[in-house]
Amino acid sequence: MTPTSRRGLRAALALTATAALALTGCTTNTEGPQDSGEPREEVALEVDEEIAALVPADIRERGTLVVGSNVPYAPNEFKNEQGEIVGFDIDVVKAVAQLMGLEADVRESDFEKIIPAIEGGTMDMGASSFTVNDERLKTVDFVTYFEAGIQWASAAGKDVDPDDACGLTVAVQRTTVSDQEDVPARSKACTDAGKPAIEKVQFDSQDEASTAVALGKVDAMSADSPISAYAVKQSEGKMQLAGDVFDAAPYGWPVRKGSELGPALEAAAKKLAESGDFEKIAGNWGVEDGLIDDPQVRKG
């Protein structure tokens, strides 16, 4: 399986599980009292004049960094109970904007429209769990800041090995790489070996998939590593991670090809990594395992 289209396989999916989740109280894509229950360590940063000087003049004069994001994709980007877009990606981009002396203006968008908006100049960048791949690098530059793979999760106390899941029921969110690549490939390996197929159970939202695991309606789920980690953290002991992260690939912020914003974002990301603020933000969302040491501009 290739990691080239991990988030790209997701369409913008409606959050359909709200009523069911309210009854079960297991996992949700909104932040509030039902979230992890742990206080979050606020990160407030001073302007770094050297980084601010790297920001393109038009953005610096405007005073805002226009950022496209698609929800829900907890814990990276989703809406809280007040309807505000929150999450790991959002906290990071706000910290980056602070270092630049800017205000982050995060705008909800269909996922597939963010890169065209950047190319057209109506958005400066994206912060929406974009996997960096060769196809996207033909049209935009990326600044890497994180790494994610696939990781399974199961109900607490139920040990599941993704490499030996023949005959098990596995939940996935429709149109994700887990749905279209991971579970089908594993199931085929089972049947090729004369073993029972994996029964893939599709859901319209990740909330529904996670809740099915927490309630024991399926044996396990396959999802992006930060998504599984966050679902386990939110489940209040009802879920556990199963197996290691595999097929890891970098997330990046897309910017217009050749834009001076790329080096500015790279400098800001490096400072967040060196200061430990990146780790604080990741720790707030339980995604520390995806941190990278050397953010960089990637060009096609």
C-alpha atoms as a PDB file:
ATOM      1  CA  MET A   1       0.000   0.000   0.000  1.00  0.00           C
ATOM      2  CA  THR A   2       1.320   3.458  -0.865  1.00  0.00           C
ATOM      3  CA  PRO A   3       0.922   6.415   1.519  1.00  0.00           C
ATOM      4  CA  THR A   4       0.539   8.966  -1.244  1.00  0.00           C
ATOM      5  CA  SER A   5      -3.166   9.759  -0.885  1.00  0.00           C
ATOM      6  CA  ARG A   6      -3.976   9.186   2.771  1.00  0.00           C
ATOM      7  CA  ARG A   7      -6.080  12.292   3.420  1.00  0.00           C
ATOM      8  CA  GLY A   8      -6.770  12.756  -0.266  1.00  0.00           C
ATOM      9  CA  LEU A   9      -9.036   9.718  -0.266  1.00  0.00           C
ATOM     10  CA  ARG A  10     -11.300  11.435   2.234  1.00  0.00           C
ATOM     11  CA  ALA A  11     -14.158  13.480   0.922  1.00  0.00           C
ATOM     12  CA  ALA A  12     -15.625  16.091   3.251  1.00  0.00           C
ATOM     13  CA  LEU A  13     -17.991  13.881   5.222  1.00  0.00           C
ATOM     14  CA  ALA A  14     -20.985  15.075   7.182  1.00  0.00           C
ATOM     15  CA  LEU A  15     -21.013  14.386  10.892  1.00  0.00           C
ATOM     16  CA  THR A  16     -23.912  11.938  11.069  1.00  0.00           C
ATOM     17  CA  ALA A  17     -23.282  10.186  14.358  1.00  0.00           C
ATOM     18  CA  THR A  18     -24.192  12.978  16.788  1.00  0.00           C
ATOM     19  CA  ALA A  19     -27.408  11.451  18.105  1.00  0.00           C
ATOM     20  CA  ALA A  20     -25.963   7.984  18.499  1.00  0.00           C
ATOM     21  CA  LEU A  21     -22.900   9.302  20.264  1.00  0.00           C
ATOM     22  CA  ALA A  22     -24.968  11.348  22.652  1.00  0.00           C
ATOM     23  CA  LEU A  23     -26.558   8.104  23.775  1.00  0.00           C
ATOM     24  CA  THR A  24     -23.357   6.113  24.055  1.00  0.00           C
ATOM     25  CA  GLY A  25     -21.042   8.827  25.381  1.00  0.00           C
ATOM     26  CA  CYS A  26     -18.076   7.071  23.786  1.00  0.00           C
ATOM     27  CA  THR A  27     -16.230   9.179  21.240  1.00  0.00           C
ATOM     28  CA  THR A  28     -17.102  12.391  19.409  1.00  0.00           C
ATOM     29  CA  ASN A  29     -15.653  14.877  16.962  1.00  0.00           C
ATOM     30  CA  THR A  30     -16.494  17.869  19.119  1.00  0.00           C
ATOM     31  CA  GLU A  31     -14.382  19.308  21.875  1.00  0.00           C
ATOM     32  CA  GLY A  32     -16.043  20.062  25.187  1.00  0.00           C
ATOM     33  CA  PRO A  33     -16.772  18.456  28.564  1.00  0.00           C
ATOM     34  CA  GLN A  34     -16.834  15.031  26.898  1.00  0.00           C
ATOM     35  CA  ASP A  35     -13.310  15.527  25.488  1.00  0.00           C
ATOM     36  CA  SER A  36     -10.224  13.996  27.103  1.00  0.00           C
ATOM     37  CA  GLY A  37     -10.982  15.714  30.403  1.00  0.00           C
ATOM     38  CA  GLU A  38      -7.382  16.881  30.735  1.00  0.00           C
ATOM     39  CA  PRO A  39      -6.407  20.572  30.986  1.00  0.00           C
ATOM     40  CA  ARG A  40      -4.634  21.843  27.898  1.00  0.00           C
ATOM     41  CA  GLU A  41      -1.358  23.687  28.235  1.00  0.00           C
ATOM     42  CA  GLU A  42      -1.795  27.054  26.522  1.00  0.00           C
ATOM     43  CA  VAL A  43       0.939  28.148  24.134  1.00  0.00           C
ATOM     44  CA  ALA A  44       1.217  31.933  23.772  1.00  0.00           C
ATOM     45  CA  LEU A  45       4.209  33.172  21.801  1.00  0.00           C
ATOM     46  CA  GLU A  46       5.923  36.473  21.143  1.00  0.00           C
ATOM     47  CA  VAL A  47       6.610  37.706  17.630  1.00  0.00           C
ATOM     48  CA  ASP A  48       9.951  36.540  16.249  1.00  0.00           C
ATOM     49  CA  GLU A  49      11.145  39.511  14.201  1.00  0.00           C
ATOM     50  CA  GLU A  50      13.471  37.423  12.021  1.00  0.00           C
ATOM     51  CA  ILE A  51      10.629  35.064  11.116  1.00  0.00           C
ATOM     52  CA  ALA A  52       8.200  37.956  10.633  1.00  0.00           C
ATOM     53  CA  ALA A  53      10.637  39.535   8.169  1.00  0.00           C
ATOM     54  CA  LEU A  54      10.376  36.415   5.979  1.00  0.00           C
ATOM     55  CA  VAL A  55       6.601  36.767   5.556  1.00  0.00           C
ATOM     56  CA  PRO A  56       5.538  38.011   2.095  1.00  0.00           C
ATOM     57  CA  ALA A  57       4.826  41.746   2.165  1.00  0.00           C
ATOM     58  CA  ASP A  58       1.161  41.469   1.142  1.00  0.00           C
ATOM     59  CA  ILE A  59       0.410  39.031   3.970  1.00  0.00           C
ATOM     60  CA  ARG A  60       2.397  41.094   6.474  1.00  0.00           C
ATOM     61  CA  GLU A  61       0.496  44.253   5.503  1.00  0.00           C
ATOM     62  CA  ARG A  62      -2.849  42.453   5.728  1.00  0.00           C
ATOM     63  CA  GLY A  63      -1.994  41.142   9.186  1.00  0.00           C
ATOM     64  CA  THR A  64      -3.786  37.835   8.746  1.00  0.00           C
ATOM     65  CA  LEU A  65      -2.791  34.386   7.544  1.00  0.00           C
ATOM     66  CA  VAL A  66      -5.715  32.901   5.607  1.00  0.00           C
ATOM     67  CA  VAL A  67      -5.804  29.153   6.235  1.00  0.00           C
ATOM     68  CA  GLY A  68      -8.067  26.551   4.644  1.00  0.00           C
ATOM     69  CA  SER A  69      -9.208  23.557   6.707  1.00  0.00           C
ATOM     70  CA  ASN A  70     -11.719  20.753   6.253  1.00  0.00           C
ATOM     71  CA  VAL A  71     -13.638  19.219   9.183  1.00  0.00           C
ATOM     72  CA  PRO A  72     -14.302  16.858  10.878  1.00  0.00           C
ATOM     73  CA  TYR A  73     -11.018  15.019  11.299  1.00  0.00           C
ATOM     74  CA  ALA A  74     -10.448  14.914  15.060  1.00  0.00           C
ATOM     75  CA  PRO A  75      -8.087  15.553  16.710  1.00  0.00           C
ATOM     76  CA  ASN A  76      -6.439  17.467  13.875  1.00  0.00           C
ATOM     77  CA  GLU A  77      -9.326  19.690  12.828  1.00  0.00           C
ATOM     78  CA  PHE A  78     -12.940  19.619  13.972  1.00  0.00           C
ATOM     79  CA  LYS A  79     -15.598  21.881  15.493  1.00  0.00           C
ATOM     80  CA  ASN A  80     -16.189  22.380  19.191  1.00  0.00           C
ATOM     81  CA  GLU A  81     -19.625  22.773  20.747  1.00  0.00           C
ATOM     82  CA  GLN A  82     -19.555  26.482  19.912  1.00  0.00           C
ATOM     83  CA  GLY A  83     -18.997  25.744  16.239  1.00  0.00           C
ATOM     84  CA  GLU A  84     -15.378  26.925  16.267  1.00  0.00           C
ATOM     85  CA  ILE A  85     -12.748  25.024  14.303  1.00  0.00           C
ATOM     86  CA  VAL A  86     -10.267  23.566  16.797  1.00  0.00           C
ATOM     87  CA  GLY A  87      -7.675  20.800  16.970  1.00  0.00           C
ATOM     88  CA  PHE A  88      -3.978  20.009  16.731  1.00  0.00           C
ATOM     89  CA  ASP A  89      -3.515  21.488  13.252  1.00  0.00           C
ATOM     90  CA  ILE A  90      -5.368  24.633  14.287  1.00  0.00           C
ATOM     91  CA  ASP A  91      -3.339  25.176  17.455  1.00  0.00           C
ATOM     92  CA  VAL A  92      -0.102  24.732  15.498  1.00  0.00           C
ATOM     93  CA  VAL A  93      -1.048  27.185  12.766  1.00  0.00           C
ATOM     94  CA  LYS A  94      -2.118  29.736  15.382  1.00  0.00           C
ATOM     95  CA  ALA A  95       1.283  29.378  17.083  1.00  0.00           C
ATOM     96  CA  VAL A  96       3.024  29.808  13.724  1.00  0.00           C
ATOM     97  CA  ALA A  97       0.979  32.946  13.046  1.00  0.00           C
ATOM     98  CA  GLN A  98       1.952  34.359  16.442  1.00  0.00           C
ATOM     99  CA  LEU A  99       5.638  33.958  15.639  1.00  0.00           C
ATOM    100  CA  MET A 100       5.012  35.804  12.363  1.00  0.00           C
ATOM    101  CA  GLY A 101       3.109  38.633  14.054  1.00  0.00           C
ATOM    102  CA  LEU A 102      -0.100  37.606  12.302  1.00  0.00           C
ATOM    103  CA  GLU A 103      -3.615  36.488  13.170  1.00  0.00           C
ATOM    104  CA  ALA A 104      -4.633  33.077  11.835  1.00  0.00           C
ATOM    105  CA  ASP A 105      -7.883  33.328   9.870  1.00  0.00           C
ATOM    106  CA  VAL A 106      -8.989  29.676   9.633  1.00  0.00           C
ATOM    107  CA  ARG A 107     -11.709  29.118   7.051  1.00  0.00           C
ATOM    108  CA  GLU A 108     -13.717  25.939   6.573  1.00  0.00           C
ATOM    109  CA  SER A 109     -13.543  24.536   3.055  1.00  0.00           C
ATOM    110  CA  ASP A 110     -14.196  21.395   1.081  1.00  0.00           C
ATOM    111  CA  PHE A 111     -10.939  19.455   1.222  1.00  0.00           C
ATOM    112  CA  GLU A 112     -10.521  19.259  -2.540  1.00  0.00           C
ATOM    113  CA  LYS A 113     -10.998  23.038  -2.920  1.00  0.00           C
ATOM    114  CA  ILE A 114      -8.182  24.132  -0.589  1.00  0.00           C
ATOM    115  CA  ILE A 115      -5.238  23.663  -2.962  1.00  0.00           C
ATOM    116  CA  PRO A 116      -7.054  25.365  -5.893  1.00  0.00           C
ATOM    117  CA  ALA A 117      -7.849  28.282  -3.544  1.00  0.00           C
ATOM    118  CA  ILE A 118      -4.144  28.527  -2.646  1.00  0.00           C
ATOM    119  CA  GLU A 119      -3.214  28.461  -6.327  1.00  0.00           C
ATOM    120  CA  GLY A 120      -5.830  31.141  -7.016  1.00  0.00           C
ATOM    121  CA  GLY A 121      -4.630  33.372  -4.196  1.00  0.00           C
ATOM    122  CA  THR A 122      -7.800  33.388  -2.063  1.00  0.00           C
ATOM    123  CA  MET A 123      -6.066  31.334   0.657  1.00  0.00           C
ATOM    124  CA  ASP A 124      -2.461  31.563   1.820  1.00  0.00           C
ATOM    125  CA  MET A 125      -2.049  27.972   3.013  1.00  0.00           C
ATOM    126  CA  GLY A 126      -3.828  24.835   4.135  1.00  0.00           C
ATOM    127  CA  ALA A 127      -3.850  23.152   7.545  1.00  0.00           C
ATOM    128  CA  SER A 128      -5.894  20.021   7.035  1.00  0.00           C
ATOM    129  CA  SER A 129      -3.800  16.851   7.438  1.00  0.00           C
ATOM    130  CA  PHE A 130      -2.475  17.010   3.877  1.00  0.00           C
ATOM    131  CA  THR A 131      -0.264  14.064   3.037  1.00  0.00           C
ATOM    132  CA  VAL A 132       2.679  15.255   0.931  1.00  0.00           C
ATOM    133  CA  ASN A 133       2.794  13.408  -2.385  1.00  0.00           C
ATOM    134  CA  ASP A 134       4.279  13.798  -5.844  1.00  0.00           C
ATOM    135  CA  GLU A 135       0.974  14.658  -7.494  1.00  0.00           C
ATOM    136  CA  ARG A 136       0.295  17.587  -5.145  1.00  0.00           C
ATOM    137  CA  LEU A 137       3.889  18.768  -5.413  1.00  0.00           C
ATOM    138  CA  LYS A 138       3.249  19.445  -9.101  1.00  0.00           C
ATOM    139  CA  THR A 139       0.934  22.317  -8.160  1.00  0.00           C
ATOM    140  CA  VAL A 140       1.992  23.541  -4.689  1.00  0.00           C
ATOM    141  CA  ASP A 141       4.960  23.538  -2.349  1.00  0.00           C
ATOM    142  CA  PHE A 142       4.651  21.950   1.095  1.00  0.00           C
ATOM    143  CA  VAL A 143       6.183  22.623   4.491  1.00  0.00           C
ATOM    144  CA  THR A 144       6.379  19.354   6.425  1.00  0.00           C
ATOM    145  CA  TYR A 145       5.550  19.410  10.129  1.00  0.00           C
ATOM    146  CA  PHE A 146       4.206  15.996  11.177  1.00  0.00           C
ATOM    147  CA  GLU A 147       4.168  12.333  10.187  1.00  0.00           C
ATOM    148  CA  ALA A 148       1.208   9.983  10.260  1.00  0.00           C
ATOM    149  CA  GLY A 149       0.559   6.397   9.277  1.00  0.00           C
ATOM    150  CA  ILE A 150      -2.171   3.839   9.777  1.00  0.00           C
ATOM    151  CA  GLN A 151      -2.851   2.375  13.213  1.00  0.00           C
ATOM    152  CA  TRP A 152      -5.524   0.002  14.387  1.00  0.00           C
ATOM    153  CA  ALA A 153      -7.485   0.130  17.628  1.00  0.00           C
ATOM    154  CA  SER A 154      -9.626  -2.425  19.425  1.00  0.00           C
ATOM    155  CA  ALA A 155     -11.907  -2.615  22.419  1.00  0.00           C
ATOM    156  CA  ALA A 156     -10.045  -2.545  25.737  1.00  0.00           C
ATOM    157  CA  GLY A 157      -8.867  -6.015  26.732  1.00  0.00           C
ATOM    158  CA  LYS A 158      -9.304  -7.429  23.233  1.00  0.00           C
ATOM    159  CA  ASP A 159      -5.895  -8.067  21.705  1.00  0.00           C
ATOM    160  CA  VAL A 160      -5.919  -7.714  17.921  1.00  0.00           C
ATOM    161  CA  ASP A 161      -2.954  -8.140  15.596  1.00  0.00           C
ATOM    162  CA  PRO A 162      -3.488  -6.279  12.285  1.00  0.00           C
ATOM    163  CA  ASP A 163      -1.120  -8.775  10.638  1.00  0.00           C
ATOM    164  CA  ASP A 164      -3.314 -11.668  11.762  1.00  0.00           C
ATOM    165  CA  ALA A 165      -6.863 -10.310  11.583  1.00  0.00           C
ATOM    166  CA  CYS A 166      -8.404 -12.937   9.307  1.00  0.00           C
ATOM    167  CA  GLY A 167     -12.059 -13.536  10.151  1.00  0.00           C
ATOM    168  CA  LEU A 168     -12.373 -10.384  12.283  1.00  0.00           C
ATOM    169  CA  THR A 169     -14.773  -7.473  11.778  1.00  0.00           C
ATOM    170  CA  VAL A 170     -12.943  -4.176  11.210  1.00  0.00           C
ATOM    171  CA  ALA A 171     -14.557  -0.731  11.135  1.00  0.00           C
ATOM    172  CA  VAL A 172     -13.456   1.959   8.676  1.00  0.00           C
ATOM    173  CA  GLN A 173     -14.613   5.402   7.626  1.00  0.00           C
ATOM    174  CA  ARG A 174     -15.794   5.397   4.018  1.00  0.00           C
ATOM    175  CA  THR A 175     -13.378   6.690   1.331  1.00  0.00           C
ATOM    176  CA  THR A 176     -10.330   6.671   3.609  1.00  0.00           C
ATOM    177  CA  VAL A 177      -7.131   4.801   2.802  1.00  0.00           C
ATOM    178  CA  SER A 178      -8.138   2.323   5.516  1.00  0.00           C
ATOM    179  CA  ASP A 179     -11.351   1.613   3.627  1.00  0.00           C
ATOM    180  CA  GLN A 180      -9.914   1.527   0.121  1.00  0.00           C
ATOM    181  CA  GLU A 181      -6.414   0.136   0.635  1.00  0.00           C
ATOM    182  CA  ASP A 182      -5.436  -1.141   4.077  1.00  0.00           C
ATOM    183  CA  VAL A 183      -8.262  -3.491   5.030  1.00  0.00           C
ATOM    184  CA  PRO A 184      -8.911  -4.810   1.484  1.00  0.00           C
ATOM    185  CA  ALA A 185      -5.205  -5.665   1.047  1.00  0.00           C
ATOM    186  CA  ARG A 186      -5.081  -7.447   4.396  1.00  0.00           C
ATOM    187  CA  SER A 187      -8.291  -9.317   3.647  1.00  0.00           C
ATOM    188  CA  LYS A 188      -6.937 -10.464   0.276  1.00  0.00           C
ATOM    189  CA  ALA A 189      -3.790 -11.736   1.982  1.00  0.00           C
ATOM    190  CA  CYS A 190      -6.051 -13.776   4.257  1.00  0.00           C
ATOM    191  CA  THR A 191      -8.055 -15.345   1.450  1.00  0.00           C
ATOM    192  CA  ASP A 192      -4.917 -15.942  -0.636  1.00  0.00           C
ATOM    193  CA  ALA A 193      -3.620 -17.964   2.314  1.00  0.00           C
ATOM    194  CA  GLY A 194      -6.837 -19.952   2.520  1.00  0.00           C
ATOM    195  CA  LYS A 195      -8.033 -18.125   5.658  1.00  0.00           C
ATOM    196  CA  PRO A 196     -11.333 -16.305   6.289  1.00  0.00           C
ATOM    197  CA  ALA A 197     -11.627 -12.789   4.853  1.00  0.00           C
ATOM    198  CA  ILE A 198     -11.701  -9.720   7.075  1.00  0.00           C
ATOM    199  CA  GLU A 199     -15.252  -8.387   7.276  1.00  0.00           C
ATOM    200  CA  LYS A 200     -14.957  -4.666   6.570  1.00  0.00           C
ATOM    201  CA  VAL A 201     -17.684  -2.573   8.243  1.00  0.00           C
ATOM    202  CA  GLN A 202     -18.023   0.890   6.669  1.00  0.00           C
ATOM    203  CA  PHE A 203     -19.287   3.998   8.430  1.00  0.00           C
ATOM    204  CA  ASP A 204     -20.009   7.474   7.107  1.00  0.00           C
ATOM    205  CA  SER A 205     -18.058   9.144   9.922  1.00  0.00           C
ATOM    206  CA  GLN A 206     -15.053   8.262  12.036  1.00  0.00           C
ATOM    207  CA  ASP A 207     -17.193   8.859  15.139  1.00  0.00           C
ATOM    208  CA  GLU A 208     -19.432   5.952  14.193  1.00  0.00           C
ATOM    209  CA  ALA A 209     -16.481   3.663  13.516  1.00  0.00           C
ATOM    210  CA  SER A 210     -14.831   4.515  16.837  1.00  0.00           C
ATOM    211  CA  THR A 211     -18.072   4.073  18.757  1.00  0.00           C
ATOM    212  CA  ALA A 212     -18.628   0.649  17.188  1.00  0.00           C
ATOM    213  CA  VAL A 213     -15.230  -0.425  18.544  1.00  0.00           C
ATOM    214  CA  ALA A 214     -15.837   1.039  21.999  1.00  0.00           C
ATOM    215  CA  LEU A 215     -19.189  -0.758  22.249  1.00  0.00           C
ATOM    216  CA  GLY A 216     -17.736  -4.068  21.071  1.00  0.00           C
ATOM    217  CA  LYS A 217     -19.857  -4.173  17.911  1.00  0.00           C
ATOM    218  CA  VAL A 218     -16.731  -4.797  15.816  1.00  0.00           C
ATOM    219  CA  ASP A 219     -13.377  -6.315  16.678  1.00  0.00           C
ATOM    220  CA  ALA A 220     -11.213  -3.376  15.634  1.00  0.00           C
ATOM    221  CA  MET A 221     -10.900  -0.300  13.431  1.00  0.00           C
ATOM    222  CA  SER A 222      -8.272   0.982  10.998  1.00  0.00           C
ATOM    223  CA  ALA A 223      -7.621   4.748  10.781  1.00  0.00           C
ATOM    224  CA  ASP A 224      -4.865   7.365  10.518  1.00  0.00           C
ATOM    225  CA  SER A 225      -2.534   7.043  13.511  1.00  0.00           C
ATOM    226  CA  PRO A 226      -3.443  10.370  15.207  1.00  0.00           C
ATOM    227  CA  ILE A 227      -7.132   9.628  14.713  1.00  0.00           C
ATOM    228  CA  SER A 228      -6.851   6.230  16.396  1.00  0.00           C
ATOM    229  CA  ALA A 229      -4.718   7.617  19.214  1.00  0.00           C
ATOM    230  CA  TYR A 230      -7.223  10.382  19.906  1.00  0.00           C
ATOM    231  CA  ALA A 231     -10.197   8.006  19.797  1.00  0.00           C
ATOM    232  CA  VAL A 232      -8.486   5.809  22.391  1.00  0.00           C
ATOM    233  CA  LYS A 233      -7.721   8.854  24.547  1.00  0.00           C
ATOM    234  CA  GLN A 234     -11.348  10.017  24.393  1.00  0.00           C
ATOM    235  CA  SER A 235     -12.859   6.595  25.042  1.00  0.00           C
ATOM    236  CA  GLU A 236     -12.225   6.676  28.803  1.00  0.00           C
ATOM    237  CA  GLY A 237     -10.643   3.242  28.856  1.00  0.00           C
ATOM    238  CA  LYS A 238     -13.044   1.546  26.444  1.00  0.00           C
ATOM    239  CA  MET A 239     -10.472   1.255  23.630  1.00  0.00           C
ATOM    240  CA  GLN A 240      -6.789   0.440  23.158  1.00  0.00           C
ATOM    241  CA  LEU A 241      -4.306   0.758  20.307  1.00  0.00           C
ATOM    242  CA  ALA A 242      -3.580  -2.434  18.376  1.00  0.00           C
ATOM    243  CA  GLY A 243      -0.213  -2.895  16.713  1.00  0.00           C
ATOM    244  CA  ASP A 244       2.310  -0.309  15.555  1.00  0.00           C
ATOM    245  CA  VAL A 245       1.983   2.613  13.174  1.00  0.00           C
ATOM    246  CA  PHE A 246       2.774   1.574   9.601  1.00  0.00           C
ATOM    247  CA  ASP A 247       3.053   3.214   6.160  1.00  0.00           C
ATOM    248  CA  ALA A 248       4.016   6.544   7.738  1.00  0.00           C
ATOM    249  CA  ALA A 249       4.161   9.624   5.484  1.00  0.00           C
ATOM    250  CA  PRO A 250       4.618  13.354   6.191  1.00  0.00           C
ATOM    251  CA  TYR A 251       1.819  15.866   6.603  1.00  0.00           C
ATOM    252  CA  GLY A 252       2.532  19.284   5.130  1.00  0.00           C
ATOM    253  CA  TRP A 253       1.102  22.794   4.802  1.00  0.00           C
ATOM    254  CA  PRO A 254       0.465  23.547   1.113  1.00  0.00           C
ATOM    255  CA  VAL A 255       1.480  27.017  -0.123  1.00  0.00           C
ATOM    256  CA  ARG A 256       1.607  28.568  -3.569  1.00  0.00           C
ATOM    257  CA  LYS A 257       4.490  27.267  -5.664  1.00  0.00           C
ATOM    258  CA  GLY A 258       7.598  29.401  -5.137  1.00  0.00           C
ATOM    259  CA  SER A 259       5.927  31.511  -2.434  1.00  0.00           C
ATOM    260  CA  GLU A 260       8.134  33.211   0.157  1.00  0.00           C
ATOM    261  CA  LEU A 261       5.594  31.984   2.706  1.00  0.00           C
ATOM    262  CA  GLY A 262       7.151  28.501   2.493  1.00  0.00           C
ATOM    263  CA  PRO A 263      10.521  29.500   4.015  1.00  0.00           C
ATOM    264  CA  ALA A 264       8.710  31.620   6.632  1.00  0.00           C
ATOM    265  CA  LEU A 265       6.580  28.647   7.690  1.00  0.00           C
ATOM    266  CA  GLU A 266       9.636  26.404   7.705  1.00  0.00           C
ATOM    267  CA  ALA A 267      11.470  28.816  10.041  1.00  0.00           C
ATOM    268  CA  ALA A 268       8.450  29.056  12.341  1.00  0.00           C
ATOM    269  CA  ALA A 269       7.996  25.273  12.456  1.00  0.00           C
ATOM    270  CA  LYS A 270      11.675  24.777  13.237  1.00  0.00           C
ATOM    271  CA  LYS A 271      11.453  27.269  16.103  1.00  0.00           C
ATOM    272  CA  LEU A 272       8.385  25.513  17.518  1.00  0.00           C
ATOM    273  CA  ALA A 273      10.280  22.209  17.370  1.00  0.00           C
ATOM    274  CA  GLU A 274      13.429  23.618  18.989  1.00  0.00           C
ATOM    275  CA  SER A 275      11.572  25.483  21.759  1.00  0.00           C
ATOM    276  CA  GLY A 276       9.456  22.490  22.765  1.00  0.00           C
ATOM    277  CA  ASP A 277       6.225  24.325  21.975  1.00  0.00           C
ATOM    278  CA  PHE A 278       5.426  21.865  19.205  1.00  0.00           C
ATOM    279  CA  GLU A 279       5.631  19.058  21.749  1.00  0.00           C
ATOM    280  CA  LYS A 280       3.345  20.951  24.148  1.00  0.00           C
ATOM    281  CA  ILE A 281       0.712  21.405  21.470  1.00  0.00           C
ATOM    282  CA  ALA A 282       0.967  17.782  20.334  1.00  0.00           C
ATOM    283  CA  GLY A 283       0.736  16.637  23.961  1.00  0.00           C
ATOM    284  CA  ASN A 284      -2.535  18.504  24.356  1.00  0.00           C
ATOM    285  CA  TRP A 285      -4.043  16.293  21.662  1.00  0.00           C
ATOM    286  CA  GLY A 286      -2.191  13.040  22.362  1.00  0.00           C
ATOM    287  CA  VAL A 287      -0.341  13.001  19.031  1.00  0.00           C
ATOM    288  CA  GLU A 288       3.274  13.317  20.204  1.00  0.00           C
ATOM    289  CA  ASP A 289       4.319  10.202  18.294  1.00  0.00           C
ATOM    290  CA  GLY A 290       3.899  12.003  14.982  1.00  0.00           C
ATOM    291  CA  LEU A 291       6.299  14.872  15.652  1.00  0.00           C
ATOM    292  CA  ILE A 292       9.249  15.323  13.297  1.00  0.00           C
ATOM    293  CA  ASP A 293      12.591  16.903  14.168  1.00  0.00           C
ATOM    294  CA  ASP A 294      13.301  18.736  10.930  1.00  0.00           C
ATOM    295  CA  PRO A 295      10.385  20.553   9.252  1.00  0.00           C
ATOM    296  CA  GLN A 296      11.284  21.591   5.723  1.00  0.00           C
ATOM    297  CA  VAL A 297      10.008  23.039   2.476  1.00  0.00           C
ATOM    298  CA  ARG A 298       9.285  20.349  -0.102  1.00  0.00           C
ATOM    299  CA  LYS A 299       9.139  21.268  -3.786  1.00  0.00           C
ATOM    300  CA  GLY A 300       8.188  19.171  -6.762  1.00  0.00           C
END
